[in-house]
């Protein structure tokens, strides 16, 4: 009888811990969704300071062009004229998946975006810094229908062959 009660109590306690962890992750997912939605909205509304405050100081942004791999400072310099001219980019999430490290201090995500380039894919990593989530790494990719891959490769070959040549040295 004592073993049965101990077993039941153990199951209840472990179940309670699992439910708490799931509830905590749900709360953190809501926070991250809110941060990313606001980040995209800040670009659309050209809120430069707010947009870049969401990125960690040592954050990285990788754009759709093969030459676009920037640290935060470089990305700010690239983006400043767009924000100053009130013509940045307008991305809206169509779908987003969020995952967490076991310690809950790192999250990674992927998202499909409605953009001026049609559907793009974003993926990234957020880290908790002083209890706030910050974007540590973000990659923006254009999607290409598989049936159109050869056409796209043909269009970009001249430019990217030169990049391949330079990077292969």
C-alpha atoms as a PDB file:
ATOM      1  CA  UNK A   1       0.000   0.000   0.000  1.00  0.00           C
ATOM      2  CA  UNK A   2       2.796   2.429   0.922  1.00  0.00           C
ATOM      3  CA  UNK A   3       4.572   1.687  -2.389  1.00  0.00           C
ATOM      4  CA  UNK A   4       1.360   2.426  -4.293  1.00  0.00           C
ATOM      5  CA  UNK A   5       0.885   5.770  -2.567  1.00  0.00           C
ATOM      6  CA  UNK A   6       4.546   6.664  -3.133  1.00  0.00           C
ATOM      7  CA  UNK A   7       4.230   5.703  -6.796  1.00  0.00           C
ATOM      8  CA  UNK A   8       1.055   7.776  -7.222  1.00  0.00           C
ATOM      9  CA  UNK A   9       2.658  10.800  -5.523  1.00  0.00           C
ATOM     10  CA  UNK A  10       5.741  10.484  -7.753  1.00  0.00           C
ATOM     11  CA  UNK A  11       3.577  10.375 -10.883  1.00  0.00           C
ATOM     12  CA  UNK A  12       1.586  13.415  -9.705  1.00  0.00           C
ATOM     13  CA  UNK A  13       4.744  15.422  -8.942  1.00  0.00           C
ATOM     14  CA  UNK A  14       6.410  14.527 -12.251  1.00  0.00           C
ATOM     15  CA  UNK A  15       3.227  15.321 -14.162  1.00  0.00           C
ATOM     16  CA  UNK A  16       2.988  18.648 -12.373  1.00  0.00           C
ATOM     17  CA  UNK A  17       6.570  19.514 -13.355  1.00  0.00           C
ATOM     18  CA  UNK A  18       5.911  18.607 -16.995  1.00  0.00           C
ATOM     19  CA  UNK A  19       2.761  20.759 -17.051  1.00  0.00           C
ATOM     20  CA  UNK A  20       4.657  23.697 -15.487  1.00  0.00           C
ATOM     21  CA  UNK A  21       7.440  23.400 -18.095  1.00  0.00           C
ATOM     22  CA  UNK A  22       4.893  23.259 -20.925  1.00  0.00           C
ATOM     23  CA  UNK A  23       3.036  26.286 -19.525  1.00  0.00           C
ATOM     24  CA  UNK A  24       6.328  28.167 -19.203  1.00  0.00           C
ATOM     25  CA  UNK A  25       7.263  27.348 -22.814  1.00  0.00           C
ATOM     26  CA  UNK A  26       3.813  28.465 -23.965  1.00  0.00           C
ATOM     27  CA  UNK A  27       4.343  31.791 -22.176  1.00  0.00           C
ATOM     28  CA  UNK A  28       7.803  32.181 -23.706  1.00  0.00           C
ATOM     29  CA  UNK A  29       6.436  31.313 -27.178  1.00  0.00           C
ATOM     30  CA  UNK A  30       3.873  34.090 -26.795  1.00  0.00           C
ATOM     31  CA  UNK A  31       6.656  36.517 -25.830  1.00  0.00           C
ATOM     32  CA  UNK A  32       8.824  35.476 -28.785  1.00  0.00           C
ATOM     33  CA  UNK A  33       5.910  35.677 -31.224  1.00  0.00           C
ATOM     34  CA  UNK A  34       5.175  39.160 -29.934  1.00  0.00           C
ATOM     35  CA  UNK A  35       8.832  40.234 -30.244  1.00  0.00           C
ATOM     36  CA  UNK A  36       9.153  38.927 -33.808  1.00  0.00           C
ATOM     37  CA  UNK A  37       5.799  40.360 -34.916  1.00  0.00           C
ATOM     38  CA  UNK A  38       6.770  43.737 -33.442  1.00  0.00           C
ATOM     39  CA  UNK A  39      10.212  43.520 -35.055  1.00  0.00           C
ATOM     40  CA  UNK A  40       8.670  43.011 -38.481  1.00  0.00           C
ATOM     41  CA  UNK A  41       6.126  45.778 -37.806  1.00  0.00           C
ATOM     42  CA  UNK A  42       8.922  48.153 -36.728  1.00  0.00           C
ATOM     43  CA  UNK A  43      10.575  47.648 -40.117  1.00  0.00           C
ATOM     44  CA  UNK A  44       7.297  48.287 -41.949  1.00  0.00           C
ATOM     45  CA  UNK A  45       6.751  51.445 -39.893  1.00  0.00           C
ATOM     46  CA  UNK A  46      10.446  52.414 -40.161  1.00  0.00           C
ATOM     47  CA  UNK A  47      11.000  52.526 -36.396  1.00  0.00           C
ATOM     48  CA  UNK A  48      14.789  52.281 -36.617  1.00  0.00           C
ATOM     49  CA  UNK A  49      15.674  52.337 -32.901  1.00  0.00           C
ATOM     50  CA  UNK A  50      12.980  49.870 -31.874  1.00  0.00           C
ATOM     51  CA  UNK A  51      13.840  47.544 -34.770  1.00  0.00           C
ATOM     52  CA  UNK A  52      17.515  47.394 -33.868  1.00  0.00           C
ATOM     53  CA  UNK A  53      16.900  47.222 -30.103  1.00  0.00           C
ATOM     54  CA  UNK A  54      15.400  43.773 -30.740  1.00  0.00           C
ATOM     55  CA  UNK A  55      18.744  42.510 -32.041  1.00  0.00           C
ATOM     56  CA  UNK A  56      21.474  41.447 -29.612  1.00  0.00           C
ATOM     57  CA  UNK A  57      24.566  43.672 -29.667  1.00  0.00           C
ATOM     58  CA  UNK A  58      26.537  40.823 -31.245  1.00  0.00           C
ATOM     59  CA  UNK A  59      23.617  39.753 -33.465  1.00  0.00           C
ATOM     60  CA  UNK A  60      23.952  38.706 -37.095  1.00  0.00           C
ATOM     61  CA  UNK A  61      21.580  39.336 -40.010  1.00  0.00           C
ATOM     62  CA  UNK A  62      21.922  37.306 -43.205  1.00  0.00           C
ATOM     63  CA  UNK A  63      19.917  38.610 -46.153  1.00  0.00           C
ATOM     64  CA  UNK A  64      18.811  37.054 -49.420  1.00  0.00           C
ATOM     65  CA  UNK A  65      21.843  38.195 -51.420  1.00  0.00           C
ATOM     66  CA  UNK A  66      25.006  36.085 -51.145  1.00  0.00           C
ATOM     67  CA  UNK A  67      26.930  39.186 -50.014  1.00  0.00           C
ATOM     68  CA  UNK A  68      24.559  40.020 -47.134  1.00  0.00           C
ATOM     69  CA  UNK A  69      26.118  38.681 -43.939  1.00  0.00           C
ATOM     70  CA  UNK A  70      26.208  41.526 -41.441  1.00  0.00           C
ATOM     71  CA  UNK A  71      26.885  42.059 -37.774  1.00  0.00           C
ATOM     72  CA  UNK A  72      24.464  44.445 -36.080  1.00  0.00           C
ATOM     73  CA  UNK A  73      26.557  47.562 -36.724  1.00  0.00           C
ATOM     74  CA  UNK A  74      26.973  46.723 -40.434  1.00  0.00           C
ATOM     75  CA  UNK A  75      23.283  45.911 -40.794  1.00  0.00           C
ATOM     76  CA  UNK A  76      22.349  49.205 -39.148  1.00  0.00           C
ATOM     77  CA  UNK A  77      24.554  51.093 -41.629  1.00  0.00           C
ATOM     78  CA  UNK A  78      22.985  49.224 -44.545  1.00  0.00           C
ATOM     79  CA  UNK A  79      19.411  49.740 -43.309  1.00  0.00           C
ATOM     80  CA  UNK A  80      19.650  53.365 -42.132  1.00  0.00           C
ATOM     81  CA  UNK A  81      18.941  54.966 -45.535  1.00  0.00           C
ATOM     82  CA  UNK A  82      15.858  52.766 -45.997  1.00  0.00           C
ATOM     83  CA  UNK A  83      14.502  53.732 -42.582  1.00  0.00           C
ATOM     84  CA  UNK A  84      15.384  57.413 -43.114  1.00  0.00           C
ATOM     85  CA  UNK A  85      13.517  57.409 -46.442  1.00  0.00           C
ATOM     86  CA  UNK A  86      10.520  55.718 -44.765  1.00  0.00           C
ATOM     87  CA  UNK A  87      10.798  52.791 -47.186  1.00  0.00           C
ATOM     88  CA  UNK A  88      12.062  49.737 -45.336  1.00  0.00           C
ATOM     89  CA  UNK A  89      10.559  46.264 -45.725  1.00  0.00           C
ATOM     90  CA  UNK A  90       7.163  44.896 -44.787  1.00  0.00           C
ATOM     91  CA  UNK A  91       7.105  41.268 -43.618  1.00  0.00           C
ATOM     92  CA  UNK A  92       4.132  39.512 -42.052  1.00  0.00           C
ATOM     93  CA  UNK A  93       4.412  36.052 -40.593  1.00  0.00           C
ATOM     94  CA  UNK A  94       2.200  33.434 -42.226  1.00  0.00           C
ATOM     95  CA  UNK A  95       3.458  30.581 -40.075  1.00  0.00           C
ATOM     96  CA  UNK A  96       6.032  30.270 -37.326  1.00  0.00           C
ATOM     97  CA  UNK A  97       7.559  27.383 -35.364  1.00  0.00           C
ATOM     98  CA  UNK A  98       9.484  28.011 -32.134  1.00  0.00           C
ATOM     99  CA  UNK A  99      11.747  25.583 -30.256  1.00  0.00           C
ATOM    100  CA  UNK A 100      13.702  25.834 -26.991  1.00  0.00           C
ATOM    101  CA  UNK A 101      16.950  24.566 -25.538  1.00  0.00           C
ATOM    102  CA  UNK A 102      16.585  22.366 -22.468  1.00  0.00           C
ATOM    103  CA  UNK A 103      17.682  25.219 -20.181  1.00  0.00           C
ATOM    104  CA  UNK A 104      15.118  27.586 -21.762  1.00  0.00           C
ATOM    105  CA  UNK A 105      17.696  30.318 -22.437  1.00  0.00           C
ATOM    106  CA  UNK A 106      17.925  29.818 -26.194  1.00  0.00           C
ATOM    107  CA  UNK A 107      15.135  29.600 -28.738  1.00  0.00           C
ATOM    108  CA  UNK A 108      15.228  29.030 -32.461  1.00  0.00           C
ATOM    109  CA  UNK A 109      12.497  29.477 -35.000  1.00  0.00           C
ATOM    110  CA  UNK A 110      11.526  29.285 -38.616  1.00  0.00           C
ATOM    111  CA  UNK A 111       8.804  31.302 -40.289  1.00  0.00           C
ATOM    112  CA  UNK A 112       7.112  31.770 -43.618  1.00  0.00           C
ATOM    113  CA  UNK A 113       6.693  35.438 -44.443  1.00  0.00           C
ATOM    114  CA  UNK A 114       4.468  37.436 -46.748  1.00  0.00           C
ATOM    115  CA  UNK A 115       6.811  40.074 -48.205  1.00  0.00           C
ATOM    116  CA  UNK A 116       7.187  42.386 -51.178  1.00  0.00           C
ATOM    117  CA  UNK A 117       9.259  39.504 -52.618  1.00  0.00           C
ATOM    118  CA  UNK A 118       6.237  37.195 -52.154  1.00  0.00           C
ATOM    119  CA  UNK A 119       6.832  34.271 -49.766  1.00  0.00           C
ATOM    120  CA  UNK A 120      10.173  34.264 -47.985  1.00  0.00           C
ATOM    121  CA  UNK A 121      11.481  32.145 -45.157  1.00  0.00           C
ATOM    122  CA  UNK A 122      13.043  33.549 -42.039  1.00  0.00           C
ATOM    123  CA  UNK A 123      14.898  31.523 -39.450  1.00  0.00           C
ATOM    124  CA  UNK A 124      16.803  32.570 -36.428  1.00  0.00           C
ATOM    125  CA  UNK A 125      18.009  32.211 -32.893  1.00  0.00           C
ATOM    126  CA  UNK A 126      17.007  34.242 -29.863  1.00  0.00           C
ATOM    127  CA  UNK A 127      18.828  34.290 -26.531  1.00  0.00           C
ATOM    128  CA  UNK A 128      17.680  35.454 -23.149  1.00  0.00           C
ATOM    129  CA  UNK A 129      19.744  38.426 -22.034  1.00  0.00           C
ATOM    130  CA  UNK A 130      18.829  39.927 -18.646  1.00  0.00           C
ATOM    131  CA  UNK A 131      15.447  38.159 -18.861  1.00  0.00           C
ATOM    132  CA  UNK A 132      14.695  39.684 -22.291  1.00  0.00           C
ATOM    133  CA  UNK A 133      14.696  37.780 -25.569  1.00  0.00           C
ATOM    134  CA  UNK A 134      17.064  39.221 -28.194  1.00  0.00           C
ATOM    135  CA  UNK A 135      17.582  38.165 -31.790  1.00  0.00           C
ATOM    136  CA  UNK A 136      21.067  36.702 -31.992  1.00  0.00           C
ATOM    137  CA  UNK A 137      20.999  35.403 -35.555  1.00  0.00           C
ATOM    138  CA  UNK A 138      18.496  35.862 -38.389  1.00  0.00           C
ATOM    139  CA  UNK A 139      18.510  34.424 -41.900  1.00  0.00           C
ATOM    140  CA  UNK A 140      16.139  35.631 -44.617  1.00  0.00           C
ATOM    141  CA  UNK A 141      15.707  33.385 -47.651  1.00  0.00           C
ATOM    142  CA  UNK A 142      13.608  33.661 -50.761  1.00  0.00           C
ATOM    143  CA  UNK A 143      11.592  30.576 -51.564  1.00  0.00           C
ATOM    144  CA  UNK A 144      11.823  29.121 -55.048  1.00  0.00           C
ATOM    145  CA  UNK A 145       9.278  26.643 -56.386  1.00  0.00           C
ATOM    146  CA  UNK A 146      11.161  23.447 -57.261  1.00  0.00           C
ATOM    147  CA  UNK A 147       9.780  23.536 -60.803  1.00  0.00           C
ATOM    148  CA  UNK A 148      11.454  26.942 -61.336  1.00  0.00           C
ATOM    149  CA  UNK A 149      14.877  26.195 -59.882  1.00  0.00           C
ATOM    150  CA  UNK A 150      16.633  25.972 -63.249  1.00  0.00           C
ATOM    151  CA  UNK A 151      15.238  29.342 -64.334  1.00  0.00           C
ATOM    152  CA  UNK A 152      16.398  31.011 -61.127  1.00  0.00           C
ATOM    153  CA  UNK A 153      19.844  29.406 -61.328  1.00  0.00           C
ATOM    154  CA  UNK A 154      20.148  30.706 -64.874  1.00  0.00           C
ATOM    155  CA  UNK A 155      19.257  34.239 -63.766  1.00  0.00           C
ATOM    156  CA  UNK A 156      21.739  34.345 -60.892  1.00  0.00           C
ATOM    157  CA  UNK A 157      24.610  32.326 -62.385  1.00  0.00           C
ATOM    158  CA  UNK A 158      26.637  35.213 -63.842  1.00  0.00           C
ATOM    159  CA  UNK A 159      26.696  37.117 -60.559  1.00  0.00           C
ATOM    160  CA  UNK A 160      27.166  34.140 -58.281  1.00  0.00           C
ATOM    161  CA  UNK A 161      29.817  32.453 -60.432  1.00  0.00           C
ATOM    162  CA  UNK A 162      31.977  35.515 -59.735  1.00  0.00           C
ATOM    163  CA  UNK A 163      31.308  35.244 -55.992  1.00  0.00           C
ATOM    164  CA  UNK A 164      32.146  31.524 -56.068  1.00  0.00           C
ATOM    165  CA  UNK A 165      35.402  32.314 -57.877  1.00  0.00           C
ATOM    166  CA  UNK A 166      36.355  34.992 -55.326  1.00  0.00           C
ATOM    167  CA  UNK A 167      35.435  32.889 -52.281  1.00  0.00           C
ATOM    168  CA  UNK A 168      37.199  29.784 -53.609  1.00  0.00           C
ATOM    169  CA  UNK A 169      40.629  31.457 -53.605  1.00  0.00           C
END
